[in-house]
Amino acid sequence: MNKAKIISIIKEVIIWGLVLLVVSNIISYLRKPQLKDDSLPSLTLETIEGKKINFKEYRGKPLLIHFWATWCPTCKLETSNINTVSKEYPVVTIAVNSGSDEQIREFMKSKEASFDVIHDRENRLTQDFSVEAFPTTFIYNAKGKLVFSEVGYTSTAGLLGRMAWAENK
């Protein structure tokens, strides 16, 4: 294969990669939940480890709220991204339709993840946040206002970038 043909193939791959990126972002935008209020709700919840979490305690810093499920292939791929972000920013995740607390703990252990997990046993939070697909991510700024919401996979760099932007918004 000559050099011109290789360059042509690389250009095609790059163009189609960019098209795929744009289309996936449009789909994510169209599928994002429509919340009644863009303010961080005042909720106190308990993690699967028994830790009490009050969303209002996160005022003054950005907060990532992530809905996921142990059975969701995309969620499994994204777990390490969420874990990385949780080392730098506040992250609260909500496991939905994922079995028992012990099954969620086993999943977390298998993925070497250490972020906080709330088990939404009755899908109350899922309904409150109008979540219809997994994973769904919400990012609130330091003032408690929603600045991003998206459905689907997001890279570590994408999440960290959004969190840094939310920190200064």
C-alpha atoms as a PDB file:
ATOM      1  CA  MET A   1       0.000   0.000   0.000  1.00  0.00           C
ATOM      2  CA  ASN A   2       1.434   3.378  -0.934  1.00  0.00           C
ATOM      3  CA  LYS A   3       1.785   6.384   1.333  1.00  0.00           C
ATOM      4  CA  ALA A   4      -1.051   8.356  -0.341  1.00  0.00           C
ATOM      5  CA  LYS A   5      -3.501   5.486   0.211  1.00  0.00           C
ATOM      6  CA  ILE A   6      -2.543   5.202   3.908  1.00  0.00           C
ATOM      7  CA  ILE A   7      -3.008   8.961   4.398  1.00  0.00           C
ATOM      8  CA  SER A   8      -6.395   8.769   2.659  1.00  0.00           C
ATOM      9  CA  ILE A   9      -7.523   5.946   4.963  1.00  0.00           C
ATOM     10  CA  ILE A  10      -6.341   7.829   8.063  1.00  0.00           C
ATOM     11  CA  LYS A  11      -8.273  10.943   6.943  1.00  0.00           C
ATOM     12  CA  GLU A  12     -11.429   8.837   6.451  1.00  0.00           C
ATOM     13  CA  VAL A  13     -11.088   7.292   9.908  1.00  0.00           C
ATOM     14  CA  ILE A  14     -10.609  10.736  11.484  1.00  0.00           C
ATOM     15  CA  ILE A  15     -13.589  12.220   9.620  1.00  0.00           C
ATOM     16  CA  TRP A  16     -15.874   9.320  10.581  1.00  0.00           C
ATOM     17  CA  GLY A  17     -14.598   9.471  14.162  1.00  0.00           C
ATOM     18  CA  LEU A  18     -15.507  13.165  14.346  1.00  0.00           C
ATOM     19  CA  VAL A  19     -18.922  12.513  12.790  1.00  0.00           C
ATOM     20  CA  LEU A  20     -19.557   9.770  15.347  1.00  0.00           C
ATOM     21  CA  LEU A  21     -18.493  12.090  18.177  1.00  0.00           C
ATOM     22  CA  VAL A  22     -20.819  14.871  16.996  1.00  0.00           C
ATOM     23  CA  VAL A  23     -23.765  12.504  16.469  1.00  0.00           C
ATOM     24  CA  SER A  24     -23.283  10.838  19.879  1.00  0.00           C
ATOM     25  CA  ASN A  25     -23.177  14.255  21.589  1.00  0.00           C
ATOM     26  CA  ILE A  26     -26.371  15.312  19.814  1.00  0.00           C
ATOM     27  CA  ILE A  27     -28.098  12.088  20.878  1.00  0.00           C
ATOM     28  CA  SER A  28     -26.862  12.561  24.457  1.00  0.00           C
ATOM     29  CA  TYR A  29     -28.193  16.121  24.467  1.00  0.00           C
ATOM     30  CA  LEU A  30     -31.584  15.065  23.119  1.00  0.00           C
ATOM     31  CA  ARG A  31     -31.905  12.207  25.640  1.00  0.00           C
ATOM     32  CA  LYS A  32     -30.903  14.237  28.701  1.00  0.00           C
ATOM     33  CA  PRO A  33     -33.536  14.428  31.439  1.00  0.00           C
ATOM     34  CA  GLN A  34     -35.733  17.485  31.720  1.00  0.00           C
ATOM     35  CA  LEU A  35     -35.796  18.441  35.398  1.00  0.00           C
ATOM     36  CA  LYS A  36     -38.511  20.605  36.919  1.00  0.00           C
ATOM     37  CA  ASP A  37     -35.878  22.562  38.836  1.00  0.00           C
ATOM     38  CA  ASP A  38     -32.197  23.104  38.092  1.00  0.00           C
ATOM     39  CA  SER A  39     -31.317  23.532  41.776  1.00  0.00           C
ATOM     40  CA  LEU A  40     -29.595  20.795  43.730  1.00  0.00           C
ATOM     41  CA  PRO A  41     -32.349  19.121  45.768  1.00  0.00           C
ATOM     42  CA  SER A  42     -32.180  19.141  49.534  1.00  0.00           C
ATOM     43  CA  LEU A  43     -31.941  15.416  50.211  1.00  0.00           C
ATOM     44  CA  THR A  44     -30.318  13.390  52.951  1.00  0.00           C
ATOM     45  CA  LEU A  45     -29.634   9.824  51.876  1.00  0.00           C
ATOM     46  CA  GLU A  46     -27.681   6.837  53.116  1.00  0.00           C
ATOM     47  CA  THR A  47     -24.978   5.006  51.158  1.00  0.00           C
ATOM     48  CA  ILE A  48     -24.688   1.238  51.012  1.00  0.00           C
ATOM     49  CA  GLU A  49     -21.924   1.622  53.613  1.00  0.00           C
ATOM     50  CA  GLY A  50     -24.234   3.474  56.049  1.00  0.00           C
ATOM     51  CA  LYS A  51     -22.758   6.953  55.495  1.00  0.00           C
ATOM     52  CA  LYS A  52     -25.285   9.829  55.559  1.00  0.00           C
ATOM     53  CA  ILE A  53     -25.062  12.207  52.600  1.00  0.00           C
ATOM     54  CA  ASN A  54     -26.824  15.558  52.418  1.00  0.00           C
ATOM     55  CA  PHE A  55     -26.606  17.087  48.940  1.00  0.00           C
ATOM     56  CA  LYS A  56     -26.652  20.616  50.391  1.00  0.00           C
ATOM     57  CA  GLU A  57     -23.356  19.893  52.190  1.00  0.00           C
ATOM     58  CA  TYR A  58     -21.676  20.047  48.791  1.00  0.00           C
ATOM     59  CA  ARG A  59     -22.440  23.750  48.310  1.00  0.00           C
ATOM     60  CA  GLY A  60     -19.268  25.640  47.514  1.00  0.00           C
ATOM     61  CA  LYS A  61     -17.879  22.930  45.232  1.00  0.00           C
ATOM     62  CA  PRO A  62     -19.140  21.184  42.125  1.00  0.00           C
ATOM     63  CA  LEU A  63     -20.969  17.881  42.572  1.00  0.00           C
ATOM     64  CA  LEU A  64     -21.328  15.006  40.129  1.00  0.00           C
ATOM     65  CA  ILE A  65     -24.415  12.816  40.594  1.00  0.00           C
ATOM     66  CA  HIS A  66     -24.260   9.649  38.523  1.00  0.00           C
ATOM     67  CA  PHE A  67     -27.073   7.131  37.953  1.00  0.00           C
ATOM     68  CA  TRP A  68     -25.916   3.674  36.911  1.00  0.00           C
ATOM     69  CA  ALA A  69     -26.653  -0.041  37.132  1.00  0.00           C
ATOM     70  CA  THR A  70     -24.470  -3.109  37.608  1.00  0.00           C
ATOM     71  CA  TRP A  71     -26.061  -4.822  34.580  1.00  0.00           C
ATOM     72  CA  CYS A  72     -25.458  -1.862  32.223  1.00  0.00           C
ATOM     73  CA  PRO A  73     -22.524  -2.467  29.807  1.00  0.00           C
ATOM     74  CA  THR A  74     -21.837   1.255  29.325  1.00  0.00           C
ATOM     75  CA  CYS A  75     -21.923   1.814  33.086  1.00  0.00           C
ATOM     76  CA  LYS A  76     -19.337  -0.923  33.532  1.00  0.00           C
ATOM     77  CA  LEU A  77     -17.033   0.801  31.035  1.00  0.00           C
ATOM     78  CA  GLU A  78     -17.522   4.157  32.718  1.00  0.00           C
ATOM     79  CA  THR A  79     -16.896   2.970  36.307  1.00  0.00           C
ATOM     80  CA  SER A  80     -13.158   3.690  36.251  1.00  0.00           C
ATOM     81  CA  ASN A  81     -13.840   7.186  34.855  1.00  0.00           C
ATOM     82  CA  ILE A  82     -16.235   7.961  37.706  1.00  0.00           C
ATOM     83  CA  ASN A  83     -13.765   6.528  40.205  1.00  0.00           C
ATOM     84  CA  THR A  84     -10.972   8.773  38.873  1.00  0.00           C
ATOM     85  CA  VAL A  85     -13.182  11.859  39.095  1.00  0.00           C
ATOM     86  CA  SER A  86     -14.188  10.923  42.661  1.00  0.00           C
ATOM     87  CA  LYS A  87     -10.542  11.277  43.715  1.00  0.00           C
ATOM     88  CA  GLU A  88     -10.592  14.984  42.775  1.00  0.00           C
ATOM     89  CA  TYR A  89     -14.216  16.097  43.139  1.00  0.00           C
ATOM     90  CA  PRO A  90     -17.309  15.185  45.158  1.00  0.00           C
ATOM     91  CA  VAL A  91     -19.162  12.330  43.478  1.00  0.00           C
ATOM     92  CA  VAL A  92     -22.383  10.642  44.576  1.00  0.00           C
ATOM     93  CA  THR A  93     -23.585   7.698  42.547  1.00  0.00           C
ATOM     94  CA  ILE A  94     -26.986   6.090  42.558  1.00  0.00           C
ATOM     95  CA  ALA A  95     -27.267   2.399  41.711  1.00  0.00           C
ATOM     96  CA  VAL A  96     -30.592   1.413  40.185  1.00  0.00           C
ATOM     97  CA  ASN A  97     -32.044  -2.071  39.671  1.00  0.00           C
ATOM     98  CA  SER A  98     -28.713  -3.562  40.710  1.00  0.00           C
ATOM     99  CA  GLY A  99     -29.607  -6.303  43.167  1.00  0.00           C
ATOM    100  CA  SER A 100     -28.785  -6.233  46.854  1.00  0.00           C
ATOM    101  CA  ASP A 101     -26.353  -3.936  48.662  1.00  0.00           C
ATOM    102  CA  GLU A 102     -23.966  -6.886  48.832  1.00  0.00           C
ATOM    103  CA  GLN A 103     -24.149  -7.405  45.059  1.00  0.00           C
ATOM    104  CA  ILE A 104     -23.367  -3.720  44.540  1.00  0.00           C
ATOM    105  CA  ARG A 105     -20.433  -3.980  46.959  1.00  0.00           C
ATOM    106  CA  GLU A 106     -19.135  -7.004  45.029  1.00  0.00           C
ATOM    107  CA  PHE A 107     -19.428  -5.070  41.774  1.00  0.00           C
ATOM    108  CA  MET A 108     -17.550  -2.126  43.289  1.00  0.00           C
ATOM    109  CA  LYS A 109     -14.816  -4.443  44.567  1.00  0.00           C
ATOM    110  CA  SER A 110     -14.459  -6.146  41.180  1.00  0.00           C
ATOM    111  CA  LYS A 111     -14.026  -2.748  39.517  1.00  0.00           C
ATOM    112  CA  GLU A 112     -11.736  -1.444  42.298  1.00  0.00           C
ATOM    113  CA  ALA A 113     -14.106   1.511  42.725  1.00  0.00           C
ATOM    114  CA  SER A 114     -14.393   3.506  45.930  1.00  0.00           C
ATOM    115  CA  PHE A 115     -16.979   6.223  45.284  1.00  0.00           C
ATOM    116  CA  ASP A 116     -20.121   6.680  47.405  1.00  0.00           C
ATOM    117  CA  VAL A 117     -23.120   4.625  46.272  1.00  0.00           C
ATOM    118  CA  ILE A 118     -26.741   5.147  47.187  1.00  0.00           C
ATOM    119  CA  HIS A 119     -29.019   2.211  46.399  1.00  0.00           C
ATOM    120  CA  ASP A 120     -32.244   3.457  44.808  1.00  0.00           C
ATOM    121  CA  ARG A 121     -34.288   0.384  45.712  1.00  0.00           C
ATOM    122  CA  GLU A 122     -37.711   1.845  44.873  1.00  0.00           C
ATOM    123  CA  ASN A 123     -36.527   3.995  41.938  1.00  0.00           C
ATOM    124  CA  ARG A 124     -37.632   7.123  43.821  1.00  0.00           C
ATOM    125  CA  LEU A 125     -34.499   9.090  42.953  1.00  0.00           C
ATOM    126  CA  THR A 126     -34.604   7.829  39.386  1.00  0.00           C
ATOM    127  CA  GLN A 127     -38.100   9.265  39.075  1.00  0.00           C
ATOM    128  CA  ASP A 128     -37.241  12.508  40.919  1.00  0.00           C
ATOM    129  CA  PHE A 129     -34.361  13.124  38.489  1.00  0.00           C
ATOM    130  CA  SER A 130     -36.404  11.964  35.449  1.00  0.00           C
ATOM    131  CA  VAL A 131     -33.780   9.364  34.569  1.00  0.00           C
ATOM    132  CA  GLU A 132     -34.875   7.067  31.762  1.00  0.00           C
ATOM    133  CA  ALA A 133     -31.567   5.549  30.596  1.00  0.00           C
ATOM    134  CA  PHE A 134     -28.257   4.517  32.126  1.00  0.00           C
ATOM    135  CA  PRO A 135     -25.769   5.914  32.721  1.00  0.00           C
ATOM    136  CA  THR A 136     -27.082   9.429  33.335  1.00  0.00           C
ATOM    137  CA  THR A 137     -24.842  12.082  34.837  1.00  0.00           C
ATOM    138  CA  PHE A 138     -25.691  15.435  36.410  1.00  0.00           C
ATOM    139  CA  ILE A 139     -23.103  18.065  37.279  1.00  0.00           C
ATOM    140  CA  TYR A 140     -24.011  20.881  39.641  1.00  0.00           C
ATOM    141  CA  ASN A 141     -21.837  23.956  40.088  1.00  0.00           C
ATOM    142  CA  ALA A 142     -20.592  25.331  43.417  1.00  0.00           C
ATOM    143  CA  LYS A 143     -23.826  27.334  43.797  1.00  0.00           C
ATOM    144  CA  GLY A 144     -25.947  24.191  43.511  1.00  0.00           C
ATOM    145  CA  LYS A 145     -27.231  24.894  39.982  1.00  0.00           C
ATOM    146  CA  LEU A 146     -27.342  22.217  37.316  1.00  0.00           C
ATOM    147  CA  VAL A 147     -24.797  23.025  34.586  1.00  0.00           C
ATOM    148  CA  PHE A 148     -24.567  19.678  32.736  1.00  0.00           C
ATOM    149  CA  SER A 149     -26.700  16.601  32.319  1.00  0.00           C
ATOM    150  CA  GLU A 150     -26.049  13.821  29.876  1.00  0.00           C
ATOM    151  CA  VAL A 151     -26.921  10.273  29.033  1.00  0.00           C
ATOM    152  CA  GLY A 152     -24.356   7.722  27.977  1.00  0.00           C
ATOM    153  CA  TYR A 153     -20.629   7.215  28.214  1.00  0.00           C
ATOM    154  CA  THR A 154     -18.360  10.134  29.092  1.00  0.00           C
ATOM    155  CA  SER A 155     -14.586   9.908  29.150  1.00  0.00           C
ATOM    156  CA  THR A 156     -12.512  10.732  32.211  1.00  0.00           C
ATOM    157  CA  ALA A 157     -11.165  13.823  30.430  1.00  0.00           C
ATOM    158  CA  GLY A 158     -14.703  14.910  29.540  1.00  0.00           C
ATOM    159  CA  LEU A 159     -15.908  14.512  33.116  1.00  0.00           C
ATOM    160  CA  LEU A 160     -12.873  16.267  34.618  1.00  0.00           C
ATOM    161  CA  GLY A 161     -13.223  19.107  32.128  1.00  0.00           C
ATOM    162  CA  ARG A 162     -16.897  19.582  32.953  1.00  0.00           C
ATOM    163  CA  MET A 163     -16.163  19.466  36.681  1.00  0.00           C
ATOM    164  CA  ALA A 164     -13.381  22.070  36.357  1.00  0.00           C
ATOM    165  CA  TRP A 165     -15.700  24.280  34.331  1.00  0.00           C
ATOM    166  CA  ALA A 166     -18.511  23.834  36.905  1.00  0.00           C
ATOM    167  CA  GLU A 167     -16.077  24.764  39.679  1.00  0.00           C
ATOM    168  CA  ASN A 168     -15.602  28.188  38.096  1.00  0.00           C
ATOM    169  CA  LYS A 169     -19.154  28.818  36.913  1.00  0.00           C
END
